[in-house]
Amino acid sequence: MTLREFVKEKRSSAKLTQPELAEKAGVGLRFIRDLEQGKLSLRMDKVNQVLQLFGHELGPVKITFEEKSLK
């Protein structure tokens, strides 16, 4: 599941509109829209503000490489 899918799903489950989520998280509506549309460059601190409402935070995720592996 991608970050954009996770946030959208959690927001829908909480029955929040994008403006309501933005207000509760203390971020702008534009930020929420960018996040849910999968914008590639977002401020991590603001992403964490949103995720904290759902009991989560950003963290490192292991990437698997098909052709080459970093050792």
PDB file of N, CA and C in Angstrom:
ATOM      1  N   MET A   1       0.855  -1.178   0.000  1.00  0.00           N
ATOM      2  CA  MET A   1       0.000   0.000   0.000  1.00  0.00           C
ATOM      3  C   MET A   1       0.900   1.240   0.000  1.00  0.00           C
ATOM      4  N   THR A   2       0.574   2.188  -0.844  1.00  0.00           N
ATOM      5  CA  THR A   2       1.362   3.413  -0.910  1.00  0.00           C
ATOM      6  C   THR A   2       0.929   4.386   0.184  1.00  0.00           C
ATOM      7  N   LEU A   3       1.746   5.383   0.411  1.00  0.00           N
ATOM      8  CA  LEU A   3       1.427   6.409   1.401  1.00  0.00           C
ATOM      9  C   LEU A   3       0.127   7.114   1.038  1.00  0.00           C
ATOM     10  N   ARG A   4      -0.030   7.448  -0.239  1.00  0.00           N
ATOM     11  CA  ARG A   4      -1.241   8.157  -0.661  1.00  0.00           C
ATOM     12  C   ARG A   4      -2.488   7.313  -0.418  1.00  0.00           C
ATOM     13  N   GLU A   5      -2.385   6.007  -0.691  1.00  0.00           N
ATOM     14  CA  GLU A   5      -3.519   5.107  -0.469  1.00  0.00           C
ATOM     15  C   GLU A   5      -3.818   4.973   1.020  1.00  0.00           C
ATOM     16  N   PHE A   6      -2.761   4.873   1.826  1.00  0.00           N
ATOM     17  CA  PHE A   6      -2.922   4.732   3.270  1.00  0.00           C
ATOM     18  C   PHE A   6      -3.657   5.933   3.854  1.00  0.00           C
ATOM     19  N   VAL A   7      -3.204   7.132   3.510  1.00  0.00           N
ATOM     20  CA  VAL A   7      -3.816   8.351   4.063  1.00  0.00           C
ATOM     21  C   VAL A   7      -5.265   8.483   3.602  1.00  0.00           C
ATOM     22  N   LYS A   8      -5.494   8.243   2.332  1.00  0.00           N
ATOM     23  CA  LYS A   8      -6.857   8.358   1.799  1.00  0.00           C
ATOM     24  C   LYS A   8      -7.792   7.353   2.471  1.00  0.00           C
ATOM     25  N   GLU A   9      -7.310   6.123   2.649  1.00  0.00           N
ATOM     26  CA  GLU A   9      -8.121   5.088   3.297  1.00  0.00           C
ATOM     27  C   GLU A   9      -8.418   5.440   4.755  1.00  0.00           C
ATOM     28  N   LYS A  10      -7.388   5.888   5.476  1.00  0.00           N
ATOM     29  CA  LYS A  10      -7.581   6.259   6.886  1.00  0.00           C
ATOM     30  C   LYS A  10      -8.531   7.449   7.021  1.00  0.00           C
ATOM     31  N   ARG A  11      -8.381   8.425   6.127  1.00  0.00           N
ATOM     32  CA  ARG A  11      -9.259   9.596   6.158  1.00  0.00           C
ATOM     33  C   ARG A  11     -10.707   9.181   5.903  1.00  0.00           C
ATOM     34  N   SER A  12     -10.910   8.341   4.912  1.00  0.00           N
ATOM     35  CA  SER A  12     -12.264   7.870   4.585  1.00  0.00           C
ATOM     36  C   SER A  12     -12.856   7.065   5.740  1.00  0.00           C
ATOM     37  N   SER A  13     -12.043   6.204   6.351  1.00  0.00           N
ATOM     38  CA  SER A  13     -12.509   5.400   7.487  1.00  0.00           C
ATOM     39  C   SER A  13     -12.920   6.268   8.664  1.00  0.00           C
ATOM     40  N   ALA A  14     -12.206   7.381   8.830  1.00  0.00           N
ATOM     41  CA  ALA A  14     -12.519   8.313   9.924  1.00  0.00           C
ATOM     42  C   ALA A  14     -13.643   9.271   9.548  1.00  0.00           C
ATOM     43  N   LYS A  15     -14.167   9.119   8.316  1.00  0.00           N
ATOM     44  CA  LYS A  15     -15.241   9.964   7.813  1.00  0.00           C
ATOM     45  C   LYS A  15     -14.881  11.448   7.857  1.00  0.00           C
ATOM     46  N   LEU A  16     -13.643  11.732   7.440  1.00  0.00           N
ATOM     47  CA  LEU A  16     -13.158  13.108   7.397  1.00  0.00           C
ATOM     48  C   LEU A  16     -13.059  13.574   5.951  1.00  0.00           C
ATOM     49  N   THR A  17     -13.375  14.823   5.727  1.00  0.00           N
ATOM     50  CA  THR A  17     -13.127  15.419   4.425  1.00  0.00           C
ATOM     51  C   THR A  17     -11.671  15.871   4.391  1.00  0.00           C
ATOM     52  N   GLN A  18     -11.178  16.188   3.212  1.00  0.00           N
ATOM     53  CA  GLN A  18      -9.807  16.701   3.121  1.00  0.00           C
ATOM     54  C   GLN A  18      -9.636  17.974   3.947  1.00  0.00           C
ATOM     55  N   PRO A  19     -10.573  18.937   3.878  1.00  0.00           N
ATOM     56  CA  PRO A  19     -10.412  20.133   4.719  1.00  0.00           C
ATOM     57  C   PRO A  19     -10.413  19.827   6.219  1.00  0.00           C
ATOM     58  N   GLU A  20     -11.227  18.870   6.642  1.00  0.00           N
ATOM     59  CA  GLU A  20     -11.259  18.496   8.063  1.00  0.00           C
ATOM     60  C   GLU A  20      -9.937  17.865   8.487  1.00  0.00           C
ATOM     61  N   LEU A  21      -9.396  16.989   7.653  1.00  0.00           N
ATOM     62  CA  LEU A  21      -8.109  16.364   7.970  1.00  0.00           C
ATOM     63  C   LEU A  21      -7.011  17.415   8.044  1.00  0.00           C
ATOM     64  N   ALA A  22      -7.005  18.338   7.098  1.00  0.00           N
ATOM     65  CA  ALA A  22      -5.994  19.396   7.098  1.00  0.00           C
ATOM     66  C   ALA A  22      -6.057  20.200   8.390  1.00  0.00           C
ATOM     67  N   GLU A  23      -7.261  20.548   8.805  1.00  0.00           N
ATOM     68  CA  GLU A  23      -7.422  21.338  10.041  1.00  0.00           C
ATOM     69  C   GLU A  23      -6.961  20.559  11.262  1.00  0.00           C
ATOM     70  N   LYS A  24      -7.379  19.304  11.374  1.00  0.00           N
ATOM     71  CA  LYS A  24      -6.991  18.486  12.527  1.00  0.00           C
ATOM     72  C   LYS A  24      -5.486  18.253  12.588  1.00  0.00           C
ATOM     73  N   ALA A  25      -4.843  18.118  11.425  1.00  0.00           N
ATOM     74  CA  ALA A  25      -3.404  17.852  11.384  1.00  0.00           C
ATOM     75  C   ALA A  25      -2.572  19.121  11.469  1.00  0.00           C
ATOM     76  N   GLY A  26      -3.205  20.263  11.257  1.00  0.00           N
ATOM     77  CA  GLY A  26      -2.460  21.519  11.305  1.00  0.00           C
ATOM     78  C   GLY A  26      -1.637  21.772  10.053  1.00  0.00           C
ATOM     79  N   VAL A  27      -2.129  21.275   8.927  1.00  0.00           N
ATOM     80  CA  VAL A  27      -1.463  21.492   7.639  1.00  0.00           C
ATOM     81  C   VAL A  27      -2.469  22.124   6.684  1.00  0.00           C
ATOM     82  N   GLY A  28      -1.990  22.583   5.561  1.00  0.00           N
ATOM     83  CA  GLY A  28      -2.873  23.192   4.587  1.00  0.00           C
ATOM     84  C   GLY A  28      -3.632  22.170   3.756  1.00  0.00           C
ATOM     85  N   LEU A  29      -4.768  22.606   3.219  1.00  0.00           N
ATOM     86  CA  LEU A  29      -5.563  21.749   2.361  1.00  0.00           C
ATOM     87  C   LEU A  29      -4.768  21.330   1.130  1.00  0.00           C
ATOM     88  N   ARG A  30      -3.985  22.231   0.581  1.00  0.00           N
ATOM     89  CA  ARG A  30      -3.168  21.917  -0.594  1.00  0.00           C
ATOM     90  C   ARG A  30      -2.220  20.754  -0.282  1.00  0.00           C
ATOM     91  N   PHE A  31      -1.663  20.747   0.935  1.00  0.00           N
ATOM     92  CA  PHE A  31      -0.754  19.666   1.325  1.00  0.00           C
ATOM     93  C   PHE A  31      -1.482  18.320   1.319  1.00  0.00           C
ATOM     94  N   ILE A  32      -2.678  18.277   1.879  1.00  0.00           N
ATOM     95  CA  ILE A  32      -3.457  17.035   1.912  1.00  0.00           C
ATOM     96  C   ILE A  32      -3.752  16.565   0.496  1.00  0.00           C
ATOM     97  N   ARG A  33      -4.131  17.491  -0.367  1.00  0.00           N
ATOM     98  CA  ARG A  33      -4.416  17.125  -1.757  1.00  0.00           C
ATOM     99  C   ARG A  33      -3.175  16.573  -2.444  1.00  0.00           C
ATOM    100  N   ASP A  34      -2.037  17.235  -2.241  1.00  0.00           N
ATOM    101  CA  ASP A  34      -0.781  16.752  -2.821  1.00  0.00           C
ATOM    102  C   ASP A  34      -0.423  15.365  -2.292  1.00  0.00           C
ATOM    103  N   LEU A  35      -0.595  15.163  -1.006  1.00  0.00           N
ATOM    104  CA  LEU A  35      -0.298  13.879  -0.370  1.00  0.00           C
ATOM    105  C   LEU A  35      -1.167  12.771  -0.951  1.00  0.00           C
ATOM    106  N   GLU A  36      -2.462  13.013  -1.066  1.00  0.00           N
ATOM    107  CA  GLU A  36      -3.381  11.995  -1.571  1.00  0.00           C
ATOM    108  C   GLU A  36      -3.247  11.784  -3.077  1.00  0.00           C
ATOM    109  N   GLN A  37      -2.638  12.718  -3.780  1.00  0.00           N
ATOM    110  CA  GLN A  37      -2.416  12.551  -5.214  1.00  0.00           C
ATOM    111  C   GLN A  37      -1.055  11.927  -5.503  1.00  0.00           C
ATOM    112  N   GLY A  38      -0.278  11.666  -4.449  1.00  0.00           N
ATOM    113  CA  GLY A  38       0.990  10.979  -4.615  1.00  0.00           C
ATOM    114  C   GLY A  38       2.148  11.858  -5.049  1.00  0.00           C
ATOM    115  N   LYS A  39       2.109  13.149  -4.692  1.00  0.00           N
ATOM    116  CA  LYS A  39       3.229  14.028  -5.033  1.00  0.00           C
ATOM    117  C   LYS A  39       4.517  13.427  -4.473  1.00  0.00           C
ATOM    118  N   LEU A  40       5.569  13.449  -5.272  1.00  0.00           N
ATOM    119  CA  LEU A  40       6.812  12.782  -4.891  1.00  0.00           C
ATOM    120  C   LEU A  40       7.655  13.543  -3.883  1.00  0.00           C
ATOM    121  N   SER A  41       7.534  14.849  -3.823  1.00  0.00           N
ATOM    122  CA  SER A  41       8.334  15.617  -2.865  1.00  0.00           C
ATOM    123  C   SER A  41       7.414  16.330  -1.879  1.00  0.00           C
ATOM    124  N   LEU A  42       7.416  15.834  -0.661  1.00  0.00           N
ATOM    125  CA  LEU A  42       6.608  16.398   0.423  1.00  0.00           C
ATOM    126  C   LEU A  42       7.476  16.558   1.663  1.00  0.00           C
ATOM    127  N   ARG A  43       7.146  17.520   2.483  1.00  0.00           N
ATOM    128  CA  ARG A  43       7.897  17.704   3.734  1.00  0.00           C
ATOM    129  C   ARG A  43       7.562  16.574   4.699  1.00  0.00           C
ATOM    130  N   MET A  44       8.615  15.903   5.145  1.00  0.00           N
ATOM    131  CA  MET A  44       8.423  14.758   6.043  1.00  0.00           C
ATOM    132  C   MET A  44       7.769  15.160   7.362  1.00  0.00           C
ATOM    133  N   ASP A  45       8.110  16.328   7.884  1.00  0.00           N
ATOM    134  CA  ASP A  45       7.512  16.744   9.147  1.00  0.00           C
ATOM    135  C   ASP A  45       6.001  16.908   9.013  1.00  0.00           C
ATOM    136  N   LYS A  46       5.555  17.422   7.880  1.00  0.00           N
ATOM    137  CA  LYS A  46       4.117  17.585   7.663  1.00  0.00           C
ATOM    138  C   LYS A  46       3.436  16.241   7.423  1.00  0.00           C
ATOM    139  N   VAL A  47       4.113  15.343   6.713  1.00  0.00           N
ATOM    140  CA  VAL A  47       3.559  13.997   6.517  1.00  0.00           C
ATOM    141  C   VAL A  47       3.367  13.349   7.883  1.00  0.00           C
ATOM    142  N   ASN A  48       4.340  13.490   8.769  1.00  0.00           N
ATOM    143  CA  ASN A  48       4.225  12.913  10.108  1.00  0.00           C
ATOM    144  C   ASN A  48       3.106  13.551  10.917  1.00  0.00           C
ATOM    145  N   GLN A  49       2.856  14.841  10.731  1.00  0.00           N
ATOM    146  CA  GLN A  49       1.740  15.489  11.421  1.00  0.00           C
ATOM    147  C   GLN A  49       0.426  14.806  11.047  1.00  0.00           C
ATOM    148  N   VAL A  50       0.279  14.481   9.774  1.00  0.00           N
ATOM    149  CA  VAL A  50      -0.940  13.810   9.302  1.00  0.00           C
ATOM    150  C   VAL A  50      -0.978  12.378   9.828  1.00  0.00           C
ATOM    151  N   LEU A  51       0.116  11.645   9.683  1.00  0.00           N
ATOM    152  CA  LEU A  51       0.154  10.243  10.097  1.00  0.00           C
ATOM    153  C   LEU A  51      -0.065  10.070  11.591  1.00  0.00           C
ATOM    154  N   GLN A  52       0.382  11.030  12.397  1.00  0.00           N
ATOM    155  CA  GLN A  52       0.215  10.927  13.848  1.00  0.00           C
ATOM    156  C   GLN A  52      -1.254  10.846  14.248  1.00  0.00           C
ATOM    157  N   LEU A  53      -2.129  11.461  13.471  1.00  0.00           N
ATOM    158  CA  LEU A  53      -3.562  11.385  13.768  1.00  0.00           C
ATOM    159  C   LEU A  53      -4.075   9.953  13.701  1.00  0.00           C
ATOM    160  N   PHE A  54      -3.382   9.111  12.928  1.00  0.00           N
ATOM    161  CA  PHE A  54      -3.784   7.724  12.748  1.00  0.00           C
ATOM    162  C   PHE A  54      -2.853   6.764  13.480  1.00  0.00           C
ATOM    163  N   GLY A  55      -1.992   7.301  14.365  1.00  0.00           N
ATOM    164  CA  GLY A  55      -1.107   6.466  15.168  1.00  0.00           C
ATOM    165  C   GLY A  55       0.075   5.896  14.413  1.00  0.00           C
ATOM    166  N   HIS A  56       0.549   6.611  13.389  1.00  0.00           N
ATOM    167  CA  HIS A  56       1.681   6.147  12.581  1.00  0.00           C
ATOM    168  C   HIS A  56       2.695   7.259  12.373  1.00  0.00           C
ATOM    169  N   GLU A  57       3.871   6.884  11.887  1.00  0.00           N
ATOM    170  CA  GLU A  57       4.890   7.855  11.493  1.00  0.00           C
ATOM    171  C   GLU A  57       5.725   7.254  10.360  1.00  0.00           C
ATOM    172  N   LEU A  58       6.434   8.114   9.644  1.00  0.00           N
ATOM    173  CA  LEU A  58       7.310   7.651   8.573  1.00  0.00           C
ATOM    174  C   LEU A  58       8.485   6.878   9.150  1.00  0.00           C
ATOM    175  N   GLY A  59       8.977   5.939   8.381  1.00  0.00           N
ATOM    176  CA  GLY A  59      10.146   5.184   8.802  1.00  0.00           C
ATOM    177  C   GLY A  59      10.810   4.540   7.603  1.00  0.00           C
ATOM    178  N   PRO A  60      12.021   4.034   7.792  1.00  0.00           N
ATOM    179  CA  PRO A  60      12.720   3.387   6.687  1.00  0.00           C
ATOM    180  C   PRO A  60      12.033   2.083   6.287  1.00  0.00           C
ATOM    181  N   VAL A  61      12.018   1.859   4.989  1.00  0.00           N
ATOM    182  CA  VAL A  61      11.417   0.649   4.438  1.00  0.00           C
ATOM    183  C   VAL A  61      12.451  -0.019   3.540  1.00  0.00           C
ATOM    184  N   LYS A  62      12.636  -1.297   3.721  1.00  0.00           N
ATOM    185  CA  LYS A  62      13.617  -2.028   2.919  1.00  0.00           C
ATOM    186  C   LYS A  62      13.157  -2.098   1.469  1.00  0.00           C
ATOM    187  N   ILE A  63      14.097  -1.863   0.571  1.00  0.00           N
ATOM    188  CA  ILE A  63      13.839  -1.940  -0.857  1.00  0.00           C
ATOM    189  C   ILE A  63      14.516  -3.194  -1.377  1.00  0.00           C
ATOM    190  N   THR A  64      13.828  -3.936  -2.221  1.00  0.00           N
ATOM    191  CA  THR A  64      14.444  -5.101  -2.843  1.00  0.00           C
ATOM    192  C   THR A  64      14.770  -4.758  -4.287  1.00  0.00           C
ATOM    193  N   PHE A  65      15.983  -5.075  -4.687  1.00  0.00           N
ATOM    194  CA  PHE A  65      16.441  -4.817  -6.041  1.00  0.00           C
ATOM    195  C   PHE A  65      16.400  -6.122  -6.825  1.00  0.00           C
ATOM    196  N   GLU A  66      15.843  -6.069  -8.003  1.00  0.00           N
ATOM    197  CA  GLU A  66      15.730  -7.278  -8.812  1.00  0.00           C
ATOM    198  C   GLU A  66      17.047  -7.662  -9.471  1.00  0.00           C
ATOM    199  N   GLU A  67      17.773  -6.682 -10.022  1.00  0.00           N
ATOM    200  CA  GLU A  67      18.984  -7.000 -10.771  1.00  0.00           C
ATOM    201  C   GLU A  67      20.233  -6.938  -9.915  1.00  0.00           C
ATOM    202  N   LYS A  68      20.366  -5.921  -9.110  1.00  0.00           N
ATOM    203  CA  LYS A  68      21.588  -5.740  -8.316  1.00  0.00           C
ATOM    204  C   LYS A  68      21.219  -5.625  -6.843  1.00  0.00           C
ATOM    205  N   SER A  69      22.106  -6.049  -6.030  1.00  0.00           N
ATOM    206  CA  SER A  69      21.915  -5.949  -4.590  1.00  0.00           C
ATOM    207  C   SER A  69      23.080  -5.187  -4.000  1.00  0.00           C
ATOM    208  N   LEU A  70      22.783  -4.257  -3.094  1.00  0.00           N
ATOM    209  CA  LEU A  70      23.853  -3.527  -2.408  1.00  0.00           C
ATOM    210  C   LEU A  70      24.325  -4.359  -1.221  1.00  0.00           C
ATOM    211  N   LYS A  71      25.600  -4.640  -1.163  1.00  0.00           N
ATOM    212  CA  LYS A  71      26.127  -5.440  -0.058  1.00  0.00           C
ATOM    213  C   LYS A  71      27.257  -4.701   0.607  1.00  0.00           C
TER     214      LYS A  71
END
